[in-house]
Amino acid sequence: MEYAQPRLDKRQIRRAFSRAADTYDEAAVVQRRVVAELIDRLGAIRHAPSRVLEAGSGTGHGARELRRLYPKATVLCLDLALPMLQRASRQRGWFARERYVAGDMEQLPLAAGVVDMVFSSSSLQWCRLDRAFAEFARVMAPRSLLMFATFGPDTLGELRSAWREIDDGAHVHGLTDMHDVGDELVRQGFTDPVMDVESLRVTYREVSSLMRDLKALGSNNADPARARGLTGKGKLAALKRALEARRNREGLVECSYEIVYGHAWAPARRQWREGDGSVAVPLADLVRK
């Protein structure tokens, strides 16, 4: 059975991350941890890319780590929010080999087969996976590497359950299960997919600190069915009470993250079908060599 793709308002996502460009780095504790894990995994894989696409590059932390790992590679930083890229460009080194492109992972402004690695950290949850993976497959050269991390459905579980006590509205958009992410990789022609999941908890002394961090990260509700306009004071107060009731034994407010890690390889050969944008992969390329 095909999984449900999350509903997403791309204009809202662009606005939220554009506003968060100056506050993102201070709050991005989990996101930096995820980049460090991906870079560590890359260090154990024999692959020497010359052109890397960082899809959803944000303020450039991932690009700086990629530059350290692959000093001779050109890193193409792509993000939906132009202010994020502008902040990243101000922090790069004098001799950095980064290039910056404002664009959507679901519609990459790149020719086919031009990159030999795609790196995406904490960004795919803001996309339809089928479209993003199809675009990755299109722009990747044969036998190139896809390395990524996204957030699974247990992310922000405390916030989701607190909102359910208040109303039936769409306050946090849906996220995709690890097994469905892996299945989508195969559907899009990637080979030898490897998937695993990690759970993290960030704790806060005050509910207000949690809410402030989510806003600083640009983690706004992107569901098109969300209520428009500002959330009323009454509902915000009810949300705070519901989160207060969920304090752990140490008296701290928890925020859970389910991190889905994956990597896979572009097939050795592919044939593009005209018209529908799909890809036909020879059966031999789906067998581990």
Protein backbone atom coordinates (compact mmCIF):
# COMPACT_ATOMS: atom_id res chain seq x y z
CA MET A 1 0.00 0.00 0.00
CA GLU A 2 1.37 3.41 -0.93
CA TYR A 3 2.13 5.73 1.97
CA ALA A 4 0.47 9.12 2.45
CA GLN A 5 2.57 12.02 1.23
CA PRO A 6 2.51 15.02 3.60
CA ARG A 7 0.59 18.08 2.48
CA LEU A 8 2.90 21.08 2.32
CA ASP A 9 2.54 24.79 1.64
CA LYS A 10 5.84 25.72 -0.02
CA ARG A 11 5.19 29.46 0.23
CA GLN A 12 4.73 29.13 3.97
CA ILE A 13 7.94 27.08 4.24
CA ARG A 14 9.88 29.69 2.28
CA ARG A 15 8.52 32.53 4.42
CA ALA A 16 9.24 30.73 7.71
CA PHE A 17 12.84 29.88 6.87
CA SER A 18 13.48 33.30 5.37
CA ARG A 19 12.44 34.87 8.67
CA ALA A 20 14.55 32.36 10.63
CA ALA A 21 17.82 32.95 8.76
CA ASP A 22 19.32 35.13 11.51
CA THR A 23 18.17 32.94 14.42
CA TYR A 24 18.57 29.42 13.01
CA ASP A 25 22.18 28.70 13.99
CA GLU A 26 21.70 29.43 17.68
CA ALA A 27 18.77 26.99 17.98
CA ALA A 28 19.99 24.26 15.60
CA VAL A 29 21.45 21.88 18.22
CA VAL A 30 19.82 18.74 16.81
CA GLN A 31 20.48 19.78 13.22
CA ARG A 32 24.22 20.20 13.88
CA ARG A 33 24.26 16.80 15.59
CA VAL A 34 22.67 15.23 12.50
CA VAL A 35 25.21 16.85 10.15
CA ALA A 36 28.06 15.54 12.31
CA GLU A 37 26.63 12.01 12.14
CA LEU A 38 26.25 12.15 8.35
CA ILE A 39 29.79 13.44 7.90
CA ASP A 40 31.08 10.66 10.15
CA ARG A 41 29.27 8.10 8.00
CA LEU A 42 30.66 9.61 4.82
CA GLY A 43 34.16 9.21 6.20
CA ALA A 44 33.66 5.44 6.22
CA ILE A 45 32.50 5.26 2.57
CA ARG A 46 34.97 5.12 -0.29
CA HIS A 47 33.71 7.88 -2.53
CA ALA A 48 35.55 10.97 -3.79
CA PRO A 49 33.03 13.36 -5.37
CA SER A 50 34.09 16.37 -7.40
CA ARG A 51 30.62 17.99 -7.45
CA VAL A 52 28.33 17.76 -4.41
CA LEU A 53 24.77 19.04 -4.24
CA GLU A 54 23.74 19.96 -0.70
CA ALA A 55 19.95 19.94 -0.94
CA GLY A 56 18.46 22.14 1.77
CA SER A 57 21.73 23.76 2.78
CA GLY A 58 20.34 26.35 5.19
CA THR A 59 22.97 28.64 6.68
CA GLY A 60 25.87 26.57 5.35
CA HIS A 61 26.97 24.42 8.30
CA GLY A 62 26.75 21.25 6.23
CA ALA A 63 28.65 22.84 3.34
CA ARG A 64 31.51 23.79 5.65
CA GLU A 65 31.76 20.22 6.92
CA LEU A 66 31.62 18.85 3.36
CA ARG A 67 34.41 21.23 2.36
CA ARG A 68 36.54 19.89 5.21
CA LEU A 69 35.89 16.29 4.16
CA TYR A 70 36.24 16.90 0.41
CA PRO A 71 38.58 19.91 0.04
CA LYS A 72 38.84 19.55 -3.76
CA ALA A 73 35.09 19.26 -4.38
CA THR A 74 32.73 22.01 -5.49
CA VAL A 75 29.67 22.19 -3.22
CA LEU A 76 26.46 23.48 -4.76
CA CYS A 77 24.31 24.85 -1.92
CA LEU A 78 20.59 24.81 -2.71
CA ASP A 79 17.87 26.14 -0.44
CA LEU A 80 14.28 27.28 -0.82
CA ALA A 81 14.89 30.42 1.27
CA LEU A 82 17.19 33.04 -0.26
CA PRO A 83 18.05 34.69 3.12
CA MET A 84 19.44 31.35 4.31
CA LEU A 85 21.81 31.26 1.34
CA GLN A 86 22.79 34.89 1.85
CA ARG A 87 23.76 34.15 5.44
CA ALA A 88 25.70 31.06 4.33
CA SER A 89 27.63 33.05 1.72
CA ARG A 90 28.72 35.59 4.35
CA GLN A 91 30.21 32.80 6.49
CA ARG A 92 32.19 30.93 3.83
CA GLY A 93 35.98 31.11 3.60
CA TRP A 94 37.88 33.22 1.09
CA PHE A 95 38.87 30.23 -1.05
CA ALA A 96 35.75 28.13 -0.59
CA ARG A 97 34.43 26.29 -3.63
CA GLU A 98 30.75 26.79 -2.86
CA ARG A 99 28.05 27.94 -5.25
CA TYR A 100 24.61 29.11 -4.16
CA VAL A 101 21.25 28.47 -5.85
CA ALA A 102 17.80 29.33 -4.55
CA GLY A 103 15.48 26.51 -5.58
CA ASP A 104 13.15 23.69 -4.65
CA MET A 105 14.36 20.10 -4.19
CA GLU A 106 11.21 18.96 -5.99
CA GLN A 107 12.20 20.97 -9.11
CA LEU A 108 15.98 21.19 -9.20
CA PRO A 109 17.34 23.87 -11.56
CA LEU A 110 20.10 21.51 -12.73
CA ALA A 111 20.79 19.45 -15.82
CA ALA A 112 20.73 15.65 -15.70
CA GLY A 113 23.77 13.78 -14.42
CA VAL A 114 25.80 16.79 -13.29
CA VAL A 115 26.58 15.89 -9.64
CA ASP A 116 28.30 12.85 -8.19
CA MET A 117 26.93 13.16 -4.67
CA VAL A 118 23.75 14.52 -3.10
CA PHE A 119 23.86 15.40 0.61
CA SER A 120 20.69 16.41 2.44
CA SER A 121 20.45 16.92 6.19
CA SER A 122 17.22 17.72 8.08
CA SER A 123 15.46 19.05 4.98
CA LEU A 124 13.55 16.29 3.19
CA GLN A 125 10.67 16.52 5.68
CA TRP A 126 9.75 19.76 3.89
CA CYS A 127 9.26 17.95 0.55
CA ARG A 128 7.26 15.25 -1.15
CA LEU A 129 9.74 12.39 -1.08
CA ASP A 130 8.72 10.93 -4.43
CA ARG A 131 9.39 14.21 -6.23
CA ALA A 132 12.62 15.00 -4.36
CA PHE A 133 14.11 11.52 -4.85
CA ALA A 134 13.11 11.56 -8.53
CA GLU A 135 14.93 14.88 -8.98
CA PHE A 136 17.97 13.60 -7.10
CA ALA A 137 18.09 10.56 -9.38
CA ARG A 138 17.82 12.80 -12.44
CA VAL A 139 20.74 15.10 -11.59
CA MET A 140 23.07 12.38 -10.23
CA ALA A 141 25.76 10.79 -12.37
CA PRO A 142 25.84 6.97 -12.55
CA ARG A 143 27.17 5.29 -9.41
CA SER A 144 27.03 8.50 -7.41
CA LEU A 145 26.06 8.60 -3.73
CA LEU A 146 22.98 9.92 -1.96
CA MET A 147 23.47 10.56 1.77
CA PHE A 148 20.61 12.04 3.79
CA ALA A 149 18.79 12.39 7.08
CA THR A 150 15.20 13.42 7.63
CA PHE A 151 12.75 13.39 10.54
CA GLY A 152 10.33 10.52 11.19
CA PRO A 153 6.74 10.58 12.50
CA ASP A 154 7.68 10.42 16.21
CA THR A 155 9.32 13.85 15.93
CA LEU A 156 7.66 16.50 18.13
CA GLY A 157 5.46 13.78 19.59
CA GLU A 158 4.86 15.75 22.79
CA LEU A 159 3.69 18.78 20.83
CA ARG A 160 1.42 16.67 18.62
CA SER A 161 -0.25 14.93 21.55
CA ALA A 162 -0.65 18.23 23.42
CA TRP A 163 -2.45 19.81 20.46
CA ARG A 164 -4.76 16.79 20.17
CA GLU A 165 -6.09 17.60 23.64
CA ILE A 166 -7.07 21.06 22.44
CA ASP A 167 -8.66 20.62 19.00
CA ASP A 168 -8.65 18.51 15.83
CA GLY A 169 -6.78 21.04 13.71
CA ALA A 170 -3.64 20.47 11.66
CA HIS A 171 -0.90 21.98 13.85
CA VAL A 172 2.12 19.85 12.87
CA HIS A 173 2.41 18.45 9.35
CA GLY A 174 2.86 14.72 8.74
CA LEU A 175 6.23 12.95 8.47
CA THR A 176 7.22 9.75 6.65
CA ASP A 177 8.13 6.42 8.26
CA MET A 178 11.63 4.99 7.74
CA HIS A 179 10.34 1.94 5.82
CA ASP A 180 8.38 4.13 3.42
CA VAL A 181 11.47 6.29 2.85
CA GLY A 182 13.46 3.17 1.94
CA ASP A 183 10.70 1.90 -0.35
CA GLU A 184 10.62 5.25 -2.15
CA LEU A 185 14.36 5.07 -2.78
CA VAL A 186 13.87 1.74 -4.56
CA ARG A 187 10.90 3.05 -6.55
CA GLN A 188 13.07 5.88 -7.83
CA GLY A 189 15.77 3.50 -9.02
CA PHE A 190 18.37 3.82 -6.24
CA THR A 191 20.37 0.71 -5.39
CA ASP A 192 21.74 -0.79 -2.17
CA PRO A 193 19.72 1.45 0.18
CA VAL A 194 20.76 1.41 3.84
CA MET A 195 18.35 2.82 6.43
CA ASP A 196 18.38 3.24 10.20
CA VAL A 197 16.75 5.42 12.82
CA GLU A 198 17.87 7.26 15.95
CA SER A 199 15.80 8.85 18.74
CA LEU A 200 16.89 12.01 20.54
CA ARG A 201 15.30 14.12 23.25
CA VAL A 202 16.01 17.78 23.90
CA THR A 203 14.94 19.06 27.31
CA TYR A 204 13.92 22.55 28.42
CA ARG A 205 13.28 24.14 31.76
CA GLU A 206 10.44 26.24 30.37
CA VAL A 207 7.77 25.63 27.71
CA SER A 208 8.46 29.11 26.37
CA SER A 209 12.06 28.09 25.56
CA LEU A 210 10.84 25.14 23.50
CA MET A 211 8.42 27.31 21.54
CA ARG A 212 11.07 29.99 21.02
CA ASP A 213 13.52 27.43 19.60
CA LEU A 214 10.96 26.02 17.17
CA LYS A 215 10.23 29.52 15.91
CA ALA A 216 13.96 30.32 15.65
CA LEU A 217 14.44 27.19 13.53
CA GLY A 218 11.64 28.12 11.15
CA SER A 219 9.75 24.97 12.15
CA ASN A 220 6.29 26.35 11.47
CA ASN A 221 3.24 24.34 10.51
CA ALA A 222 3.32 23.90 6.71
CA ASP A 223 0.06 21.94 6.36
CA PRO A 224 -2.24 23.77 3.89
CA ALA A 225 -5.19 22.79 6.12
CA ARG A 226 -3.79 24.76 9.06
CA ALA A 227 -5.82 27.58 10.57
CA ARG A 228 -4.77 30.91 9.04
CA GLY A 229 -3.84 33.90 11.14
CA LEU A 230 -2.39 34.07 14.65
CA THR A 231 -3.19 31.40 17.21
CA GLY A 232 -5.41 32.87 19.90
CA LYS A 233 -4.14 33.52 23.43
CA GLY A 234 -6.61 30.99 24.83
CA LYS A 235 -5.30 28.14 22.70
CA LEU A 236 -1.68 29.07 23.38
CA ALA A 237 -2.38 29.04 27.11
CA ALA A 238 -4.09 25.63 26.77
CA LEU A 239 -1.11 24.32 24.81
CA LYS A 240 1.28 25.52 27.49
CA ARG A 241 -0.77 23.77 30.19
CA ALA A 242 -0.81 20.53 28.17
CA LEU A 243 2.96 20.62 27.72
CA GLU A 244 3.50 21.49 31.39
CA ALA A 245 1.54 18.35 32.29
CA ARG A 246 4.04 16.31 30.28
CA ARG A 247 7.14 17.28 32.25
CA ASN A 248 9.41 14.30 32.90
CA ARG A 249 10.52 12.98 36.31
CA GLU A 250 13.27 15.59 36.47
CA GLY A 251 10.68 18.32 35.94
CA LEU A 252 11.89 19.18 32.43
CA VAL A 253 9.88 19.72 29.25
CA GLU A 254 10.86 17.21 26.55
CA CYS A 255 10.97 17.53 22.79
CA SER A 256 11.49 14.27 20.87
CA TYR A 257 13.15 13.81 17.49
CA GLU A 258 13.09 10.65 15.38
CA ILE A 259 15.95 10.90 12.90
CA VAL A 260 15.85 8.70 9.81
CA TYR A 261 19.27 8.17 8.21
CA GLY A 262 19.79 6.70 4.79
CA HIS A 263 22.19 6.33 1.92
CA ALA A 264 21.92 4.72 -1.51
CA TRP A 265 23.62 4.69 -4.89
CA ALA A 266 22.49 5.90 -8.28
CA PRO A 267 22.40 2.98 -10.75
CA ALA A 268 25.21 2.44 -13.24
CA ARG A 269 22.89 3.10 -16.19
CA ARG A 270 19.42 4.56 -16.56
CA GLN A 271 17.00 5.37 -19.32
CA TRP A 272 14.61 8.29 -18.96
CA ARG A 273 11.10 7.81 -20.28
CA GLU A 274 9.93 10.84 -22.15
CA GLY A 275 6.77 12.50 -20.95
CA ASP A 276 6.23 11.21 -17.43
CA GLY A 277 9.71 11.90 -16.01
CA SER A 278 10.06 8.37 -14.64
CA VAL A 279 13.18 6.28 -14.79
CA ALA A 280 13.72 2.75 -16.10
CA VAL A 281 16.53 0.89 -14.35
CA PRO A 282 18.09 -2.28 -15.83
CA LEU A 283 17.51 -5.30 -13.60
CA ALA A 284 21.26 -5.97 -13.45
CA ASP A 285 21.77 -2.63 -11.71
CA LEU A 286 19.45 -3.66 -8.86
CA VAL A 287 21.65 -6.64 -7.96
CA ARG A 288 24.50 -6.03 -5.50
CA LYS A 289 27.81 -6.47 -7.28
